[in-house]
Protein backbone atom coordinates (compact mmCIF):
# COMPACT_ATOMS: atom_id res chain seq x y z
CA MET A 1 0.00 0.00 0.00
CA SER A 2 1.11 3.53 -0.74
CA ARG A 3 2.16 5.72 2.15
CA PRO A 4 0.06 8.83 2.93
CA LEU A 5 1.06 11.85 0.86
CA ASP A 6 2.45 13.85 3.79
CA GLU A 7 4.70 10.92 4.75
CA ARG A 8 5.92 10.63 1.16
CA PHE A 9 6.80 14.33 1.23
CA ARG A 10 8.74 13.89 4.48
CA LEU A 11 10.64 10.87 3.18
CA GLN A 12 11.61 12.74 0.03
CA ALA A 13 12.61 15.73 2.15
CA GLU A 14 15.04 13.54 4.06
CA GLN A 15 16.48 12.22 0.79
CA CYS A 16 17.00 15.80 -0.36
CA ARG A 17 18.72 16.65 2.91
CA LEU A 18 20.97 13.58 2.73
CA HIS A 19 21.89 14.44 -0.85
CA GLY A 20 22.86 18.02 -0.08
CA SER A 21 19.76 20.15 -0.65
CA PRO A 22 18.58 21.60 2.68
CA LEU A 23 16.45 24.14 0.81
CA THR A 24 14.39 21.50 -1.00
CA ALA A 25 14.14 19.52 2.25
CA ALA A 26 12.77 22.56 4.10
CA LEU A 27 10.18 23.24 1.40
CA LEU A 28 8.95 19.65 1.37
CA HIS A 29 8.80 19.44 5.17
CA GLY A 30 6.82 22.70 5.18
CA ALA A 31 4.38 21.37 2.63
CA ALA A 32 4.02 18.05 4.48
CA ALA A 33 2.95 19.89 7.62
CA GLU A 34 0.18 21.67 5.71
CA ILE A 35 -1.22 18.76 3.69
CA GLY A 36 -3.53 17.66 6.52
CA ARG A 37 -4.82 21.18 7.25
CA THR A 38 -7.53 23.08 5.45
CA GLY A 39 -5.95 25.68 3.23
CA PRO A 40 -4.30 26.37 -0.14
CA VAL A 41 -1.51 23.80 0.29
CA ARG A 42 -4.03 21.03 0.89
CA ASP A 43 -6.16 22.29 -2.03
CA LEU A 44 -3.11 22.09 -4.29
CA LEU A 45 -1.62 18.79 -3.15
CA ALA A 46 -4.50 16.60 -1.88
CA PRO A 47 -5.59 15.69 -5.46
CA LEU A 48 -2.12 14.12 -5.92
CA GLU A 49 -2.73 11.59 -3.12
CA ALA A 50 -3.94 8.95 -5.59
CA ASP A 51 -0.95 9.34 -7.93
CA ARG A 52 1.49 6.43 -8.03
CA PRO A 53 4.32 7.04 -5.54
CA GLY A 54 6.80 6.48 -8.36
CA THR A 55 5.60 9.67 -10.06
CA VAL A 56 7.03 11.55 -7.05
CA PRO A 57 4.48 14.33 -6.41
CA SER A 58 6.91 15.93 -3.94
CA LEU A 59 9.52 16.56 -6.63
CA ARG A 60 6.83 17.82 -8.99
CA PHE A 61 5.85 20.34 -6.31
CA ALA A 62 9.46 21.44 -5.78
CA GLY A 63 9.96 21.72 -9.54
CA ALA A 64 6.79 23.77 -9.92
CA LEU A 65 7.92 26.27 -7.29
CA HIS A 66 11.34 26.53 -8.88
CA ARG A 67 9.83 27.14 -12.30
CA LEU A 68 7.86 30.10 -10.96
CA VAL A 69 11.08 31.48 -9.50
CA LEU A 70 12.94 31.03 -12.79
CA GLU A 71 10.08 32.73 -14.65
CA ARG A 72 10.26 35.67 -12.22
CA ARG A 73 6.70 35.02 -11.06
CA ALA A 74 7.68 34.59 -7.38
CA PRO A 75 10.09 37.42 -6.46
CA ALA A 76 9.81 37.02 -2.69
CA LEU A 77 10.56 33.31 -2.92
CA ALA A 78 13.45 33.98 -5.33
CA LEU A 79 15.32 35.70 -2.50
CA HIS A 80 15.82 32.21 -1.02
CA TYR A 81 16.93 30.48 -4.25
CA PRO A 82 20.68 30.38 -4.95
CA SER A 83 19.88 29.37 -8.55
CA VAL A 84 18.86 33.00 -9.19
CA GLY A 85 21.32 34.64 -6.81
CA GLY A 86 19.32 34.32 -3.58
CA THR A 87 20.38 32.94 -0.24
CA ALA A 88 18.69 29.87 1.22
CA GLY A 89 17.38 30.70 4.67
CA PRO A 90 14.95 29.67 7.40
CA ASP A 91 12.07 31.73 5.96
CA ALA A 92 11.91 29.94 2.62
CA TRP A 93 8.79 27.95 3.48
CA ALA A 94 6.88 31.05 4.59
CA ALA A 95 7.57 32.63 1.20
CA ALA A 96 6.69 29.40 -0.61
CA GLY A 97 3.43 29.05 1.29
CA GLN A 98 2.46 32.51 0.14
CA VAL A 99 3.21 31.57 -3.46
CA VAL A 100 0.92 28.54 -3.12
CA ALA A 101 -1.84 30.81 -1.88
CA ASP A 102 -1.36 33.44 -4.60
CA GLU A 103 -0.35 31.56 -7.78
CA PRO A 104 -3.12 29.53 -9.48
CA GLY A 105 -0.67 28.37 -12.15
CA LEU A 106 0.80 25.90 -9.66
CA HIS A 107 -2.21 23.62 -10.07
CA GLU A 108 -1.21 22.87 -13.66
CA LEU A 109 2.52 22.72 -13.00
CA VAL A 110 2.33 20.07 -10.24
CA ARG A 111 0.58 17.71 -12.65
CA ALA A 112 3.43 17.77 -15.17
CA PRO A 113 5.77 14.75 -15.04
CA VAL A 114 9.22 14.96 -13.49
CA GLN A 115 11.85 15.69 -16.15
CA THR A 116 15.35 15.30 -14.75
CA ASN A 117 18.22 14.87 -17.19
CA GLU A 118 21.04 14.70 -14.65
CA VAL A 119 24.36 14.88 -16.48
CA GLY A 120 26.32 13.61 -13.47
CA ARG A 121 24.83 10.17 -14.04
CA SER A 122 26.99 9.91 -17.14
CA ALA A 123 29.87 9.13 -14.78
CA ALA A 124 28.17 5.81 -14.04
CA LEU A 125 27.18 5.23 -17.66
CA TYR A 126 30.65 5.91 -19.05
CA GLY A 127 32.31 3.46 -16.67
CA GLY A 128 29.71 0.80 -17.42
CA LEU A 129 30.25 1.24 -21.16
CA LEU A 130 34.00 0.75 -20.66
CA HIS A 131 33.23 -2.63 -19.08
CA VAL A 132 31.10 -3.58 -22.09
CA ALA A 133 33.71 -2.37 -24.58
CA HIS A 134 36.45 -4.27 -22.75
CA GLU A 135 34.48 -7.52 -22.64
CA THR A 136 33.16 -7.43 -26.20
CA GLY A 137 35.82 -5.50 -28.13
CA LEU A 138 32.99 -3.88 -30.09
CA PRO A 139 31.62 -0.36 -30.68
CA ILE A 140 28.54 0.55 -28.63
CA ARG A 141 25.01 0.93 -29.91
CA LEU A 142 23.45 2.97 -27.11
CA LEU A 143 19.69 2.91 -26.49
CA GLU A 144 18.36 5.00 -23.59
CA VAL A 145 14.94 4.47 -21.99
CA GLY A 146 13.42 7.58 -20.38
CA ALA A 147 16.00 9.78 -22.08
CA SER A 148 14.28 13.15 -21.41
CA ALA A 149 16.32 15.60 -23.53
CA GLY A 150 18.91 12.96 -24.37
CA LEU A 151 21.83 14.69 -22.66
CA ASN A 152 23.32 11.45 -21.33
CA LEU A 153 23.27 9.99 -24.82
CA ARG A 154 26.25 12.34 -25.35
CA VAL A 155 28.16 10.48 -22.63
CA ASP A 156 31.37 10.21 -24.68
CA ALA A 157 31.36 13.96 -25.35
CA PHE A 158 31.98 14.82 -21.68
CA ALA A 159 35.36 14.91 -19.92
CA TYR A 160 36.06 12.66 -16.92
CA GLU A 161 39.11 13.68 -14.90
CA VAL A 162 40.37 10.48 -13.28
CA GLY A 163 43.73 10.88 -11.56
CA MET A 164 46.22 12.10 -14.14
CA GLN A 165 44.01 11.07 -17.06
CA VAL A 166 41.12 12.76 -18.85
CA LEU A 167 38.73 10.21 -20.33
CA GLY A 168 36.01 10.99 -22.84
CA ASP A 169 36.48 14.29 -24.71
CA PRO A 170 39.32 16.31 -23.12
CA ALA A 171 38.05 19.47 -24.84
CA SER A 172 34.49 19.13 -23.53
CA PRO A 173 32.94 22.02 -21.59
CA VAL A 174 31.35 19.39 -19.30
CA ARG A 175 34.01 18.23 -16.84
CA LEU A 176 33.36 15.69 -14.12
CA ARG A 177 36.31 15.99 -11.74
CA GLU A 178 37.39 12.85 -9.88
CA PRO A 179 33.96 11.20 -10.22
CA TRP A 180 35.30 7.69 -9.50
CA SER A 181 36.90 5.75 -6.69
CA GLY A 182 37.48 2.10 -5.86
CA ARG A 183 38.50 -0.50 -8.44
CA LEU A 184 38.26 1.60 -11.59
CA PRO A 185 36.76 0.38 -14.88
CA PRO A 186 39.13 -0.86 -17.60
CA GLN A 187 40.78 1.94 -19.57
CA VAL A 188 39.96 0.93 -23.15
CA PRO A 189 38.96 2.85 -26.28
CA LEU A 190 35.24 3.60 -26.41
CA GLN A 191 33.40 4.13 -29.66
CA ILE A 192 29.67 4.87 -29.82
CA ALA A 193 28.43 3.83 -33.23
CA GLU A 194 24.79 4.83 -32.65
CA ARG A 195 22.89 6.75 -29.98
CA ARG A 196 19.10 6.81 -29.74
CA GLY A 197 16.55 7.14 -26.96
CA CYS A 198 12.88 7.29 -26.13
CA ASP A 199 10.69 9.16 -23.66
CA PRO A 200 6.89 9.48 -23.36
CA ALA A 201 7.30 13.28 -23.43
CA PRO A 202 10.86 14.11 -24.57
CA LEU A 203 12.32 17.57 -24.21
CA ASP A 204 14.14 19.46 -26.93
CA PRO A 205 17.51 20.79 -25.69
CA ALA A 206 17.23 23.60 -28.25
CA SER A 207 13.87 24.81 -26.89
CA THR A 208 13.86 27.68 -24.39
CA GLN A 209 10.80 26.31 -22.62
CA ASP A 210 12.20 22.78 -22.41
CA ARG A 211 15.50 24.09 -21.07
CA LEU A 212 13.50 25.91 -18.42
CA THR A 213 11.72 22.68 -17.52
CA LEU A 214 15.03 20.84 -17.13
CA THR A 215 16.44 23.63 -15.00
CA SER A 216 13.40 23.75 -12.73
CA TYR A 217 13.99 20.15 -11.62
CA VAL A 218 17.56 20.84 -10.49
CA TRP A 219 17.51 21.51 -6.74
CA ALA A 220 17.89 25.24 -6.40
CA ASP A 221 20.73 25.23 -3.86
CA GLN A 222 22.98 22.92 -5.90
CA VAL A 223 24.59 25.48 -8.17
CA GLU A 224 27.26 23.11 -9.53
CA ARG A 225 24.56 20.99 -11.13
CA PHE A 226 23.17 24.06 -12.90
CA GLU A 227 26.56 24.72 -14.43
CA ARG A 228 26.85 21.09 -15.58
CA LEU A 229 23.42 21.28 -17.17
CA ARG A 230 24.19 24.55 -18.96
CA ARG A 231 27.38 23.14 -20.43
CA ALA A 232 25.71 19.86 -21.41
CA LEU A 233 23.15 21.84 -23.37
CA GLU A 234 26.07 23.41 -25.25
CA VAL A 235 27.29 19.90 -26.15
CA ALA A 236 23.80 18.87 -27.23
CA ALA A 237 23.66 21.81 -29.64
CA ARG A 238 26.59 20.40 -31.65
CA LEU A 239 26.13 16.64 -31.23
CA PRO A 240 22.74 15.32 -32.41
CA ALA A 241 20.89 12.47 -30.73
CA VAL A 242 17.40 11.25 -31.54
CA VAL A 243 14.88 10.89 -28.69
CA GLU A 244 11.56 9.50 -29.88
CA PRO A 245 8.22 10.34 -28.20
CA VAL A 246 7.18 6.73 -27.58
CA PRO A 247 6.93 4.38 -24.58
CA ALA A 248 9.90 2.19 -23.74
CA SER A 249 8.13 -1.03 -24.76
CA GLN A 250 7.28 0.32 -28.22
CA PHE A 251 10.81 1.61 -28.71
CA LEU A 252 12.50 -1.62 -27.61
CA THR A 253 10.11 -3.82 -29.60
CA ARG A 254 11.54 -2.26 -32.74
CA GLU A 255 15.15 -1.69 -31.68
CA LEU A 256 15.64 -5.21 -30.24
CA ALA A 257 13.67 -7.12 -32.87
CA ASP A 258 16.82 -8.51 -34.46
CA PRO A 259 20.42 -8.81 -33.20
CA VAL A 260 22.73 -6.21 -34.76
CA LYS A 261 26.11 -7.72 -35.64
CA GLY A 262 29.35 -5.85 -35.13
CA VAL A 263 28.15 -3.71 -32.20
CA ALA A 264 27.32 -4.23 -28.54
CA THR A 265 23.76 -3.04 -28.01
CA VAL A 266 23.42 -1.40 -24.59
CA VAL A 267 20.00 -0.49 -23.14
CA TRP A 268 20.57 2.15 -20.46
CA HIS A 269 18.24 3.79 -17.94
CA SER A 270 18.91 5.90 -14.85
CA VAL A 271 16.40 6.72 -12.08
CA VAL A 272 13.62 6.00 -14.56
CA TRP A 273 12.23 2.63 -13.48
CA GLN A 274 10.00 4.12 -10.76
CA TYR A 275 8.23 6.32 -13.30
CA LEU A 276 7.16 3.44 -15.55
CA PRO A 277 3.75 1.82 -14.87
CA PRO A 278 3.96 -1.83 -13.74
CA ASP A 279 2.76 -3.22 -17.07
CA GLU A 280 5.39 -1.19 -18.91
CA ARG A 281 8.15 -2.42 -16.60
CA ALA A 282 7.04 -6.02 -17.18
CA ALA A 283 7.05 -5.48 -20.94
CA VAL A 284 10.59 -4.04 -20.88
CA VAL A 285 11.89 -7.01 -18.87
CA ARG A 286 10.23 -9.45 -21.24
CA LEU A 287 11.64 -7.71 -24.32
CA LEU A 288 15.16 -7.71 -22.86
CA ASP A 289 14.94 -11.39 -21.93
CA GLU A 290 13.69 -12.30 -25.41
CA ALA A 291 16.39 -10.21 -27.10
CA GLY A 292 19.00 -11.68 -24.74
CA ALA A 293 18.04 -15.15 -25.86
CA ARG A 294 18.81 -14.08 -29.45
CA ALA A 295 22.12 -12.39 -28.60
CA THR A 296 25.40 -13.80 -29.92
CA PRO A 297 29.08 -13.01 -29.28
CA ARG A 298 29.08 -10.94 -32.49
CA ALA A 299 25.77 -9.26 -31.59
CA PRO A 300 25.80 -9.02 -27.77
CA LEU A 301 23.24 -7.23 -25.62
CA ALA A 302 23.65 -5.45 -22.28
CA ARG A 303 21.37 -3.69 -19.83
CA LEU A 304 23.13 -0.98 -17.83
CA THR A 305 21.21 0.77 -15.07
CA LEU A 306 21.57 3.28 -12.26
CA GLU A 307 18.47 2.78 -10.13
CA PRO A 308 17.65 3.02 -6.41
CA ASP A 309 17.29 -0.01 -4.16
CA GLU A 310 15.25 0.69 -1.02
CA LEU A 311 17.11 -0.44 2.08
CA GLY A 312 14.29 0.33 4.54
CA ASP A 313 13.31 3.30 6.69
CA GLY A 314 13.35 5.57 3.66
CA HIS A 315 17.01 4.92 2.83
CA PHE A 316 18.19 3.98 -0.64
CA ARG A 317 21.26 2.62 -2.38
CA PHE A 318 21.87 3.64 -5.99
CA ALA A 319 23.46 0.66 -7.72
CA VAL A 320 25.17 0.61 -11.12
CA THR A 321 24.10 -2.76 -12.49
CA LEU A 322 25.16 -4.52 -15.68
CA THR A 323 23.44 -7.57 -17.22
CA THR A 324 25.02 -9.09 -20.32
CA TRP A 325 23.91 -11.57 -22.94
CA PRO A 326 24.59 -14.20 -24.16
CA GLY A 327 24.29 -15.77 -20.75
CA GLY A 328 22.27 -13.22 -18.76
CA ARG A 329 25.04 -12.55 -16.24
CA ARG A 330 24.06 -9.79 -13.79
CA ARG A 331 26.59 -7.80 -11.74
CA VAL A 332 26.58 -4.76 -9.49
CA LEU A 333 29.52 -2.73 -10.79
CA ALA A 334 29.38 0.21 -8.41
CA GLU A 335 27.37 2.34 -6.04
CA ALA A 336 26.68 6.01 -6.70
CA ARG A 337 24.59 8.95 -5.59
CA GLY A 338 21.23 9.66 -7.15
CA HIS A 339 22.81 12.42 -9.23
CA GLY A 340 25.90 10.41 -10.12
CA PRO A 341 29.27 11.17 -8.48
CA PRO A 342 30.90 9.88 -6.48
CA VAL A 343 30.76 6.50 -8.21
CA VAL A 344 32.48 3.83 -6.11
CA TRP A 345 33.43 0.86 -8.30
CA SER A 346 33.49 -2.66 -6.87
């Protein structure tokens, strides 16, 4: 059974606090305290009670507030948002509560799906692809499920500073500094022969409105992530990648219909699984198993994921997991944060 909405807000608030966003935590705790009371916060959020927990109404609420700030529709709240030059402080919820009372546009915004295209997760993806390249000796055919704006499909166009080396594109404006620790992935050449993704409602990295949507879902007190996103959008402007507006099952039905020789096909998804309805998740698993049964050493298949495992009491582990076919061998390669670094390889 789903937890009550106020409890879900509090649990997400604690995750935000643990992952370095006290501002988002304070806003979600403030909202949780008001959900059970008659007033504008309850009017806004109570209709979300029946939504699947995996659609994360709490993050939709935080993103909606941030969007109003970015659109300069909430000037008093903006004073508390470092993303626009403000200073996070103890009065942020009071200002946010007033925005809820005054801004009818929030009712539409909180119903929009979460759209996070976190570039830091490429640190996990890049290392996982090195494992696949090392084991197969083949170029990568990269297929991303829930790709949003497709920024992580440009994984090889980012720079990864690892010790004295720079992996990926040394000239890239996106630089992930010391993102890895532990037993590092094999250092082998990586070639991406094809990159393609799908999303039920993909964003266009060239669109001003879609860029605003992406920005609104970055936690407002994590300025480094804003800079990464801005620079990743620069990369996307020069390196094309197709993201189709279709469900994962429809996309994979076509893309995995026949083995493709001479490349290692890698299906990748990161913090996406929770957003898929149960029947869609079951269809994706079935399609991967069926395609895995058809895989050969010259046309191998891999599933590479960064997804949360609930450990209990609202705590999660984000595991980098690789399953490879032929054979269906499944391994946990590393643990990471929800936004990527640090990635600790096993």
